Amino acid sequence: MGNDDMRTHVVMPRSLVDAVDELVGQRRRSQFVTEAVQRRVAQLRRDKALSETAGILRPEDHPEWATPELVSAWVRASRSQDEERFQRKLGGRSAE
């Protein structure tokens, strides 16, 4: 265990513990559970962020995203602008 690690008591169904042990072995159980919990925490944080920010981009404020065709045109224009900025920074030199 590292300096920031701590022991905790977690109650899980025996069948779940057995399944974990069968897949990764008893000696890797903590690592497996840690990684699973990390993924779930990240997912819940994403869900919360999406929930909190849903609707902040109003359709009337972004008519360029009204249809798939307009979105494609917007992406192409944005990429073209990025390429132009990149070429200016290179000063005419080749990127290769």
N, C-alpha and C. Protein backbone atom coordinates (compact mmCIF):
# COMPACT_ATOMS: atom_id res chain seq x y z
N MET A 1 0.84 -1.19 0.00
CA MET A 1 0.00 0.00 0.00
C MET A 1 0.88 1.25 0.00
N GLY A 2 0.44 2.25 -0.76
CA GLY A 2 1.17 3.51 -0.80
C GLY A 2 0.80 4.40 0.38
N ASN A 3 1.47 5.53 0.48
CA ASN A 3 1.23 6.46 1.59
C ASN A 3 -0.20 6.99 1.62
N ASP A 4 -0.81 7.19 0.46
CA ASP A 4 -2.16 7.74 0.40
C ASP A 4 -3.24 6.66 0.39
N ASP A 5 -2.85 5.41 0.41
CA ASP A 5 -3.82 4.32 0.40
C ASP A 5 -4.37 4.11 1.80
N MET A 6 -5.59 3.63 1.85
CA MET A 6 -6.17 3.30 3.15
C MET A 6 -7.01 2.05 3.01
N ARG A 7 -7.11 1.35 4.09
CA ARG A 7 -7.96 0.16 4.13
C ARG A 7 -9.38 0.61 4.41
N THR A 8 -10.32 -0.09 3.80
CA THR A 8 -11.72 0.19 4.04
C THR A 8 -12.48 -1.12 4.04
N HIS A 9 -13.57 -1.12 4.70
CA HIS A 9 -14.40 -2.32 4.77
C HIS A 9 -15.55 -2.15 3.80
N VAL A 10 -15.63 -3.01 2.81
CA VAL A 10 -16.68 -2.95 1.81
C VAL A 10 -17.43 -4.28 1.83
N VAL A 11 -18.73 -4.23 1.90
CA VAL A 11 -19.54 -5.44 1.90
C VAL A 11 -20.07 -5.66 0.49
N MET A 12 -19.79 -6.86 -0.04
CA MET A 12 -20.25 -7.21 -1.38
C MET A 12 -20.79 -8.63 -1.34
N PRO A 13 -21.69 -8.95 -2.25
CA PRO A 13 -22.18 -10.32 -2.31
C PRO A 13 -21.03 -11.29 -2.58
N ARG A 14 -21.07 -12.44 -1.92
CA ARG A 14 -20.01 -13.44 -2.09
C ARG A 14 -19.86 -13.83 -3.56
N SER A 15 -20.98 -13.94 -4.27
CA SER A 15 -20.91 -14.34 -5.68
C SER A 15 -20.11 -13.33 -6.50
N LEU A 16 -20.21 -12.06 -6.16
CA LEU A 16 -19.45 -11.03 -6.88
C LEU A 16 -17.97 -11.13 -6.55
N VAL A 17 -17.65 -11.32 -5.27
CA VAL A 17 -16.25 -11.49 -4.87
C VAL A 17 -15.67 -12.72 -5.55
N ASP A 18 -16.42 -13.81 -5.58
CA ASP A 18 -15.95 -15.03 -6.24
C ASP A 18 -15.70 -14.80 -7.73
N ALA A 19 -16.59 -14.03 -8.38
CA ALA A 19 -16.42 -13.74 -9.80
C ALA A 19 -15.16 -12.92 -10.04
N VAL A 20 -14.91 -11.92 -9.19
CA VAL A 20 -13.71 -11.10 -9.31
C VAL A 20 -12.47 -11.97 -9.12
N ASP A 21 -12.49 -12.79 -8.09
CA ASP A 21 -11.34 -13.66 -7.81
C ASP A 21 -11.09 -14.62 -8.96
N GLU A 22 -12.15 -15.12 -9.55
CA GLU A 22 -12.00 -16.04 -10.67
C GLU A 22 -11.36 -15.34 -11.87
N LEU A 23 -11.72 -14.08 -12.06
CA LEU A 23 -11.20 -13.33 -13.22
C LEU A 23 -9.78 -12.82 -13.02
N VAL A 24 -9.50 -12.27 -11.83
CA VAL A 24 -8.21 -11.61 -11.63
C VAL A 24 -7.38 -12.22 -10.50
N GLY A 25 -7.98 -13.06 -9.69
CA GLY A 25 -7.26 -13.66 -8.57
C GLY A 25 -7.38 -12.82 -7.32
N GLN A 26 -7.31 -13.47 -6.17
CA GLN A 26 -7.44 -12.79 -4.88
C GLN A 26 -6.42 -11.68 -4.70
N ARG A 27 -5.21 -11.90 -5.17
CA ARG A 27 -4.14 -10.94 -4.93
C ARG A 27 -4.30 -9.65 -5.74
N ARG A 28 -5.18 -9.68 -6.72
CA ARG A 28 -5.43 -8.47 -7.53
C ARG A 28 -6.83 -7.91 -7.30
N ARG A 29 -7.52 -8.41 -6.30
CA ARG A 29 -8.88 -7.98 -6.02
C ARG A 29 -8.94 -6.48 -5.73
N SER A 30 -8.08 -5.98 -4.86
CA SER A 30 -8.12 -4.55 -4.51
C SER A 30 -7.87 -3.67 -5.73
N GLN A 31 -6.91 -4.05 -6.56
CA GLN A 31 -6.62 -3.27 -7.76
C GLN A 31 -7.84 -3.26 -8.69
N PHE A 32 -8.46 -4.43 -8.85
CA PHE A 32 -9.64 -4.53 -9.71
C PHE A 32 -10.77 -3.64 -9.19
N VAL A 33 -11.06 -3.72 -7.90
CA VAL A 33 -12.13 -2.93 -7.32
C VAL A 33 -11.80 -1.44 -7.41
N THR A 34 -10.56 -1.08 -7.16
CA THR A 34 -10.15 0.32 -7.27
C THR A 34 -10.39 0.84 -8.68
N GLU A 35 -9.96 0.09 -9.69
CA GLU A 35 -10.14 0.52 -11.07
C GLU A 35 -11.62 0.62 -11.44
N ALA A 36 -12.42 -0.34 -10.97
CA ALA A 36 -13.86 -0.31 -11.26
C ALA A 36 -14.50 0.92 -10.61
N VAL A 37 -14.13 1.21 -9.39
CA VAL A 37 -14.70 2.37 -8.69
C VAL A 37 -14.22 3.66 -9.36
N GLN A 38 -12.96 3.72 -9.80
CA GLN A 38 -12.46 4.91 -10.49
C GLN A 38 -13.28 5.17 -11.76
N ARG A 39 -13.56 4.11 -12.53
CA ARG A 39 -14.35 4.27 -13.75
C ARG A 39 -15.76 4.76 -13.42
N ARG A 40 -16.36 4.21 -12.38
CA ARG A 40 -17.72 4.59 -12.01
C ARG A 40 -17.76 6.04 -11.50
N VAL A 41 -16.77 6.44 -10.73
CA VAL A 41 -16.71 7.83 -10.25
C VAL A 41 -16.57 8.78 -11.44
N ALA A 42 -15.71 8.45 -12.39
CA ALA A 42 -15.55 9.29 -13.58
C ALA A 42 -16.86 9.38 -14.35
N GLN A 43 -17.56 8.27 -14.48
CA GLN A 43 -18.84 8.26 -15.19
C GLN A 43 -19.86 9.13 -14.47
N LEU A 44 -19.96 9.00 -13.16
CA LEU A 44 -20.91 9.82 -12.40
C LEU A 44 -20.56 11.31 -12.48
N ARG A 45 -19.27 11.63 -12.49
CA ARG A 45 -18.86 13.04 -12.62
C ARG A 45 -19.24 13.58 -14.00
N ARG A 46 -19.04 12.76 -15.05
CA ARG A 46 -19.45 13.18 -16.41
C ARG A 46 -20.95 13.40 -16.46
N ASP A 47 -21.70 12.44 -15.90
CA ASP A 47 -23.16 12.56 -15.90
C ASP A 47 -23.60 13.83 -15.18
N LYS A 48 -22.97 14.13 -14.06
CA LYS A 48 -23.32 15.33 -13.30
C LYS A 48 -23.01 16.59 -14.11
N ALA A 49 -21.82 16.61 -14.73
CA ALA A 49 -21.43 17.77 -15.54
C ALA A 49 -22.39 17.97 -16.71
N LEU A 50 -22.76 16.88 -17.35
CA LEU A 50 -23.71 16.98 -18.47
C LEU A 50 -25.07 17.47 -18.00
N SER A 51 -25.51 16.95 -16.87
CA SER A 51 -26.79 17.37 -16.31
C SER A 51 -26.78 18.86 -15.95
N GLU A 52 -25.69 19.30 -15.35
CA GLU A 52 -25.59 20.70 -14.92
C GLU A 52 -25.46 21.67 -16.09
N THR A 53 -24.94 21.20 -17.22
CA THR A 53 -24.71 22.10 -18.35
C THR A 53 -25.71 21.90 -19.48
N ALA A 54 -26.62 20.95 -19.33
CA ALA A 54 -27.61 20.71 -20.38
C ALA A 54 -28.42 21.97 -20.63
N GLY A 55 -28.52 22.32 -21.91
CA GLY A 55 -29.35 23.46 -22.28
C GLY A 55 -28.66 24.81 -22.28
N ILE A 56 -27.36 24.86 -21.94
CA ILE A 56 -26.72 26.17 -21.89
C ILE A 56 -26.45 26.73 -23.29
N LEU A 57 -26.41 25.85 -24.29
CA LEU A 57 -26.25 26.31 -25.67
C LEU A 57 -27.63 26.30 -26.32
N ARG A 58 -28.24 27.45 -26.40
CA ARG A 58 -29.58 27.55 -26.96
C ARG A 58 -29.51 27.49 -28.48
N PRO A 59 -30.42 26.75 -29.11
CA PRO A 59 -30.40 26.62 -30.58
C PRO A 59 -30.42 27.96 -31.30
N GLU A 60 -31.14 28.93 -30.77
CA GLU A 60 -31.22 30.23 -31.46
C GLU A 60 -29.90 30.99 -31.40
N ASP A 61 -29.03 30.63 -30.46
CA ASP A 61 -27.72 31.27 -30.37
C ASP A 61 -26.70 30.64 -31.32
N HIS A 62 -27.02 29.47 -31.86
CA HIS A 62 -26.08 28.75 -32.73
C HIS A 62 -26.80 28.18 -33.94
N PRO A 63 -27.24 29.05 -34.84
CA PRO A 63 -27.95 28.56 -36.03
C PRO A 63 -27.06 27.69 -36.92
N GLU A 64 -25.74 27.83 -36.77
CA GLU A 64 -24.83 27.03 -37.59
C GLU A 64 -24.88 25.55 -37.22
N TRP A 65 -25.56 25.22 -36.14
CA TRP A 65 -25.69 23.81 -35.71
C TRP A 65 -27.11 23.28 -35.88
N ALA A 66 -27.92 23.96 -36.67
CA ALA A 66 -29.34 23.62 -36.79
C ALA A 66 -29.58 22.32 -37.55
N THR A 67 -28.73 21.99 -38.51
CA THR A 67 -28.93 20.76 -39.30
C THR A 67 -27.58 20.05 -39.43
N PRO A 68 -27.61 18.77 -39.75
CA PRO A 68 -26.34 18.06 -39.94
C PRO A 68 -25.47 18.69 -41.04
N GLU A 69 -26.11 19.20 -42.08
CA GLU A 69 -25.37 19.82 -43.16
C GLU A 69 -24.67 21.10 -42.69
N LEU A 70 -25.39 21.90 -41.89
CA LEU A 70 -24.78 23.13 -41.37
C LEU A 70 -23.66 22.82 -40.39
N VAL A 71 -23.82 21.78 -39.60
CA VAL A 71 -22.75 21.38 -38.68
C VAL A 71 -21.51 20.97 -39.48
N SER A 72 -21.70 20.18 -40.52
CA SER A 72 -20.57 19.75 -41.36
C SER A 72 -19.86 20.95 -41.97
N ALA A 73 -20.62 21.91 -42.46
CA ALA A 73 -20.03 23.12 -43.04
C ALA A 73 -19.26 23.89 -41.97
N TRP A 74 -19.81 23.98 -40.77
CA TRP A 74 -19.15 24.68 -39.66
C TRP A 74 -17.84 23.99 -39.30
N VAL A 75 -17.85 22.65 -39.24
CA VAL A 75 -16.63 21.90 -38.93
C VAL A 75 -15.57 22.12 -40.01
N ARG A 76 -15.99 22.05 -41.29
CA ARG A 76 -15.03 22.27 -42.38
C ARG A 76 -14.42 23.66 -42.31
N ALA A 77 -15.23 24.67 -42.06
CA ALA A 77 -14.72 26.04 -41.96
C ALA A 77 -13.76 26.18 -40.78
N SER A 78 -14.10 25.57 -39.66
CA SER A 78 -13.25 25.63 -38.48
C SER A 78 -11.90 24.96 -38.75
N ARG A 79 -11.94 23.81 -39.39
CA ARG A 79 -10.69 23.11 -39.72
C ARG A 79 -9.85 23.91 -40.70
N SER A 80 -10.51 24.55 -41.65
CA SER A 80 -9.80 25.38 -42.62
C SER A 80 -9.11 26.55 -41.92
N GLN A 81 -9.81 27.17 -40.98
CA GLN A 81 -9.21 28.28 -40.21
C GLN A 81 -8.02 27.77 -39.40
N ASP A 82 -8.16 26.58 -38.80
CA ASP A 82 -7.05 26.01 -38.04
C ASP A 82 -5.84 25.78 -38.95
N GLU A 83 -6.09 25.26 -40.13
CA GLU A 83 -5.00 24.99 -41.07
C GLU A 83 -4.33 26.29 -41.50
N GLU A 84 -5.12 27.32 -41.75
CA GLU A 84 -4.56 28.62 -42.13
C GLU A 84 -3.67 29.18 -41.02
N ARG A 85 -4.13 29.10 -39.76
CA ARG A 85 -3.32 29.57 -38.63
C ARG A 85 -2.04 28.76 -38.51
N PHE A 86 -2.15 27.46 -38.70
CA PHE A 86 -0.99 26.58 -38.63
C PHE A 86 0.03 26.96 -39.70
N GLN A 87 -0.43 27.19 -40.91
CA GLN A 87 0.48 27.55 -42.00
C GLN A 87 1.15 28.90 -41.75
N ARG A 88 0.39 29.85 -41.18
CA ARG A 88 0.98 31.15 -40.85
C ARG A 88 2.08 30.98 -39.80
N LYS A 89 1.86 30.14 -38.82
CA LYS A 89 2.86 29.91 -37.78
C LYS A 89 4.10 29.24 -38.34
N LEU A 90 3.90 28.39 -39.34
CA LEU A 90 5.05 27.73 -39.96
C LEU A 90 5.84 28.71 -40.83
N GLY A 91 5.21 29.80 -41.21
CA GLY A 91 5.89 30.79 -42.05
C GLY A 91 6.20 30.26 -43.44
N GLY A 92 5.29 29.44 -43.97
CA GLY A 92 5.47 28.93 -45.31
C GLY A 92 6.27 27.65 -45.37
N ARG A 93 6.85 27.22 -44.25
CA ARG A 93 7.61 25.96 -44.25
C ARG A 93 6.68 24.78 -44.30
N SER A 94 7.16 23.68 -44.78
CA SER A 94 6.40 22.44 -44.82
C SER A 94 6.34 21.83 -43.42
N ALA A 95 5.23 21.20 -43.09
CA ALA A 95 5.07 20.55 -41.78
C ALA A 95 5.82 19.24 -41.72
N GLU A 96 6.33 18.76 -42.82
CA GLU A 96 7.00 17.44 -42.86
C GLU A 96 8.46 17.54 -42.67
